[in-house]
Amino acid sequence: MEKTFDLAGGSVRDLNQFLHTGLAQSSVSRVEVANPNGAHSIAVGVDHPVDIQVRGHGGYYVGGMNKQATITVHGNVGWGVAENMMSGLVRVKGFASESAGASGHGGTLVVEGDASLRCGISMKGIDIVVGGSVGNYSAFMAQAGHLVICGDAGEGLGDSLYEAVIYVRGRIRSLGADAQEEPMTDADYLKVDELLKRAGFSHNPTEFKRVASARQLYHWNADADQEY
């Protein structure tokens, strides 16, 4: 069963209230969101296996704290798409502004276009696949998960990186503190292939470079005189 919310006349509050309290008790398996017109916080905190189609541009925090749902945005999104996501899939057919997938614990975020600054900041297990390029300081303090960049990466990629792994197909403008390029292994090629297929991209995994932590910032070094 399908249910439609038209945000030209309705509110995001009504949409989210249904997704939080009415969806599980209903027979609805697909939710259409019409005329989003850049509204903020569309489909946040969903904890149910439902297909949500957002037919236009979204504002800040679309799909934030998502759990189980599959959310597709047929347009661009503002800051923090899929912020703190736990599971499920969020797909952006257009471009994403700053901090896409920030602090995500699980699930998959796919941005088919470019992502802006700090994509994957502090990611904690989420997998992010970007069809285009990413801005400066993407994967800053990324702790776990994977970031696949099919285009180029801006300055400071992986700054203060922990155990997340970054794969880049294009040019890297510069690496951040404690990030280093490493040889690709068979396991890396398999992981990239899996993530590309999940995202629906057809690139060759052998075209990607691996960036991971040099693990020099894990512990405070009293002899370094704060110079790293």
Protein backbone atom coordinates (compact mmCIF):
# COMPACT_ATOMS: atom_id res chain seq x y z
CA MET A 1 0.00 0.00 0.00
CA GLU A 2 1.21 3.51 -0.85
CA LYS A 3 0.62 6.76 1.01
CA THR A 4 1.39 10.27 -0.29
CA PHE A 5 2.27 13.38 1.67
CA ASP A 6 2.16 16.65 -0.28
CA LEU A 7 4.33 19.17 1.56
CA ALA A 8 2.93 22.01 -0.53
CA GLY A 9 -0.12 21.86 1.73
CA GLY A 10 0.95 19.58 4.57
CA SER A 11 3.77 19.75 7.08
CA VAL A 12 6.98 17.82 7.70
CA ARG A 13 5.74 17.35 11.25
CA ASP A 14 2.72 15.40 10.00
CA LEU A 15 4.92 13.30 7.71
CA ASN A 16 7.39 12.43 10.45
CA GLN A 17 4.66 11.77 13.01
CA PHE A 18 3.16 9.16 10.69
CA LEU A 19 6.56 7.60 10.03
CA HIS A 20 7.27 7.41 13.77
CA THR A 21 3.92 6.40 15.21
CA GLY A 22 1.53 5.32 12.45
CA LEU A 23 3.62 3.45 9.92
CA ALA A 24 4.30 0.27 11.90
CA GLN A 25 0.58 -0.24 12.58
CA SER A 26 -0.40 0.33 8.96
CA SER A 27 -0.08 -1.72 5.78
CA VAL A 28 1.88 1.07 4.05
CA SER A 29 5.10 -0.12 2.41
CA ARG A 30 5.82 2.94 0.26
CA VAL A 31 5.59 6.64 1.10
CA GLU A 32 5.65 9.33 -1.59
CA VAL A 33 6.71 12.83 -0.53
CA ALA A 34 5.60 15.43 -3.06
CA ASN A 35 6.75 19.07 -3.29
CA PRO A 36 9.46 18.95 -0.61
CA ASN A 37 10.78 22.32 -1.83
CA GLY A 38 13.91 22.17 0.31
CA ALA A 39 12.14 21.48 3.60
CA HIS A 40 14.39 20.44 6.49
CA SER A 41 14.32 17.17 8.49
CA ILE A 42 12.32 15.14 5.98
CA ALA A 43 11.97 11.49 7.05
CA VAL A 44 14.20 11.69 10.11
CA GLY A 45 14.32 8.97 12.75
CA VAL A 46 12.51 6.33 10.70
CA ASP A 47 12.73 2.88 12.29
CA HIS A 48 10.78 0.67 9.88
CA PRO A 49 11.55 -1.13 6.56
CA VAL A 50 9.68 1.26 4.26
CA ASP A 51 10.42 2.73 0.83
CA ILE A 52 10.32 6.55 0.92
CA GLN A 53 10.50 8.53 -2.32
CA VAL A 54 11.18 12.27 -1.96
CA ARG A 55 10.19 13.89 -5.27
CA GLY A 56 12.35 17.00 -5.29
CA HIS A 57 15.03 18.84 -3.31
CA GLY A 58 15.45 18.37 0.43
CA GLY A 59 16.93 20.72 3.02
CA TYR A 60 19.03 19.91 6.07
CA TYR A 61 19.18 16.45 7.70
CA VAL A 62 17.10 14.47 5.21
CA GLY A 63 17.03 10.86 6.41
CA GLY A 64 18.86 11.71 9.62
CA MET A 65 19.04 8.89 12.21
CA ASN A 66 17.60 6.52 9.63
CA LYS A 67 17.10 2.91 10.68
CA GLN A 68 15.84 0.24 8.25
CA ALA A 69 14.17 2.56 5.71
CA THR A 70 15.17 3.01 2.07
CA ILE A 71 14.99 6.73 1.27
CA THR A 72 15.51 8.13 -2.24
CA VAL A 73 15.75 11.87 -2.88
CA HIS A 74 15.08 12.83 -6.50
CA GLY A 75 17.03 16.06 -6.25
CA ASN A 76 19.68 17.77 -4.15
CA VAL A 77 19.97 17.95 -0.35
CA GLY A 78 21.36 20.39 2.21
CA TRP A 79 23.64 19.78 5.18
CA GLY A 80 23.80 16.52 7.10
CA VAL A 81 21.91 14.09 4.88
CA ALA A 82 21.74 10.69 6.64
CA GLU A 83 23.38 12.22 9.71
CA ASN A 84 23.83 9.60 12.45
CA MET A 85 22.24 6.90 10.28
CA MET A 86 22.08 3.44 11.86
CA SER A 87 20.97 1.15 8.99
CA GLY A 88 19.06 1.12 5.73
CA LEU A 89 19.82 3.05 2.56
CA VAL A 90 19.68 6.75 1.72
CA ARG A 91 20.20 7.65 -1.94
CA VAL A 92 20.54 11.20 -3.28
CA LYS A 93 20.04 11.42 -7.03
CA GLY A 94 21.62 14.87 -7.15
CA PHE A 95 24.19 16.71 -5.06
CA ALA A 96 24.75 16.87 -1.28
CA SER A 97 25.86 19.84 0.78
CA GLU A 98 28.17 19.74 3.79
CA SER A 99 28.66 16.87 6.26
CA ALA A 100 26.86 14.14 4.31
CA GLY A 101 26.65 10.99 6.42
CA ALA A 102 28.13 12.69 9.49
CA SER A 103 28.56 10.35 12.48
CA GLY A 104 26.78 7.53 10.63
CA HIS A 105 26.95 4.22 12.50
CA GLY A 106 25.70 1.89 9.75
CA GLY A 107 23.74 1.52 6.55
CA THR A 108 24.65 2.97 3.17
CA LEU A 109 24.55 6.52 1.84
CA VAL A 110 24.79 6.98 -1.94
CA VAL A 111 25.26 10.44 -3.45
CA GLU A 112 25.09 10.17 -7.21
CA GLY A 113 26.48 13.67 -7.77
CA ASP A 114 29.11 15.59 -5.81
CA ALA A 115 29.28 16.01 -2.03
CA SER A 116 30.53 19.19 -0.39
CA LEU A 117 32.88 19.74 2.55
CA ARG A 118 33.36 17.21 5.35
CA CYS A 119 31.58 14.32 3.69
CA GLY A 120 31.71 11.41 6.14
CA ILE A 121 32.96 13.48 9.07
CA SER A 122 33.28 11.30 12.19
CA MET A 123 31.71 8.30 10.42
CA LYS A 124 31.38 5.36 12.79
CA GLY A 125 30.55 2.41 10.53
CA ILE A 126 28.46 3.81 7.68
CA ASP A 127 29.39 3.08 4.07
CA ILE A 128 29.28 6.14 1.78
CA VAL A 129 29.58 6.02 -2.00
CA VAL A 130 29.87 9.31 -3.91
CA GLY A 131 29.48 9.21 -7.68
CA GLY A 132 31.24 12.53 -8.15
CA SER A 133 33.81 14.45 -6.12
CA VAL A 134 34.00 15.47 -2.45
CA GLY A 135 35.06 18.72 -0.81
CA ASN A 136 37.78 19.54 1.68
CA TYR A 137 38.26 17.60 4.93
CA SER A 138 36.07 14.70 3.96
CA ALA A 139 36.29 11.74 6.37
CA PHE A 140 37.72 14.03 9.07
CA MET A 141 38.10 11.90 12.22
CA ALA A 142 36.37 8.99 10.46
CA GLN A 143 36.40 6.09 12.89
CA ALA A 144 34.91 3.12 11.00
CA GLY A 145 33.25 2.31 7.69
CA HIS A 146 34.14 3.03 4.08
CA LEU A 147 34.06 6.12 1.87
CA VAL A 148 34.20 5.48 -1.87
CA ILE A 149 34.85 8.54 -4.02
CA CYS A 150 34.39 8.00 -7.75
CA GLY A 151 35.65 11.49 -8.60
CA ASP A 152 38.25 13.73 -6.97
CA ALA A 153 38.90 14.60 -3.33
CA GLY A 154 39.62 18.06 -1.94
CA GLU A 155 42.19 19.18 0.60
CA GLY A 156 42.84 17.42 3.91
CA LEU A 157 41.25 14.10 2.97
CA GLY A 158 41.06 11.78 5.97
CA ASP A 159 42.48 14.28 8.44
CA SER A 160 42.91 12.60 11.87
CA LEU A 161 41.60 9.36 10.38
CA TYR A 162 41.04 6.35 12.64
CA GLU A 163 39.99 2.95 11.24
CA ALA A 164 37.73 4.01 8.36
CA VAL A 165 39.09 3.31 4.87
CA ILE A 166 38.78 5.67 1.90
CA TYR A 167 38.89 4.64 -1.76
CA VAL A 168 39.44 7.35 -4.38
CA ARG A 169 39.22 6.94 -8.13
CA GLY A 170 40.29 10.44 -9.10
CA ARG A 171 42.82 13.01 -7.93
CA ILE A 172 43.51 13.73 -4.27
CA ARG A 173 44.35 17.38 -3.73
CA SER A 174 46.02 16.66 -0.37
CA LEU A 175 45.88 14.24 2.53
CA GLY A 176 45.16 15.32 6.08
CA ALA A 177 47.18 14.63 9.19
CA ASP A 178 47.95 10.93 9.71
CA ALA A 179 46.30 9.82 6.46
CA GLN A 180 48.41 7.93 3.96
CA GLU A 181 47.97 6.17 0.64
CA GLU A 182 48.48 2.40 0.87
CA PRO A 183 48.65 -0.44 -1.66
CA MET A 184 45.33 -1.98 -2.66
CA THR A 185 44.86 -5.63 -1.69
CA ASP A 186 42.54 -8.30 -3.08
CA ALA A 187 40.25 -7.65 -0.13
CA ASP A 188 40.14 -3.95 -1.05
CA TYR A 189 39.18 -4.72 -4.65
CA LEU A 190 36.40 -7.00 -3.44
CA LYS A 191 35.11 -4.36 -1.01
CA VAL A 192 35.14 -1.61 -3.64
CA ASP A 193 33.36 -3.89 -6.12
CA GLU A 194 30.70 -4.72 -3.52
CA LEU A 195 30.11 -1.08 -2.63
CA LEU A 196 30.01 0.07 -6.26
CA LYS A 197 27.44 -2.60 -7.10
CA ARG A 198 25.38 -1.63 -4.06
CA ALA A 199 25.42 1.96 -5.28
CA GLY A 200 24.67 1.04 -8.89
CA PHE A 201 27.97 2.29 -10.37
CA SER A 202 30.00 0.36 -12.93
CA HIS A 203 33.57 1.59 -12.37
CA ASN A 204 36.49 -0.83 -12.34
CA PRO A 205 37.75 -1.38 -8.76
CA THR A 206 41.35 -1.44 -10.03
CA GLU A 207 41.03 2.30 -10.78
CA PHE A 208 40.80 3.18 -7.08
CA LYS A 209 43.46 4.14 -4.53
CA ARG A 210 43.33 3.21 -0.84
CA VAL A 211 43.76 5.83 1.89
CA ALA A 212 43.96 4.75 5.53
CA SER A 213 45.42 5.87 8.85
CA ALA A 214 49.15 5.87 9.54
CA ARG A 215 48.13 5.36 13.20
CA GLN A 216 50.54 7.96 14.58
CA LEU A 217 47.89 10.03 16.39
CA TYR A 218 46.30 7.28 18.46
CA HIS A 219 48.23 8.18 21.61
CA TRP A 220 49.48 11.44 23.04
CA ASN A 221 53.24 11.74 22.72
CA ALA A 222 54.62 13.94 25.50
CA ASP A 223 57.95 14.20 23.69
CA ALA A 224 56.42 15.61 20.52
CA ASP A 225 55.99 19.09 22.09
CA GLN A 226 52.57 19.23 20.40
CA GLU A 227 54.19 19.01 16.98
CA TYR A 228 52.72 16.29 14.77
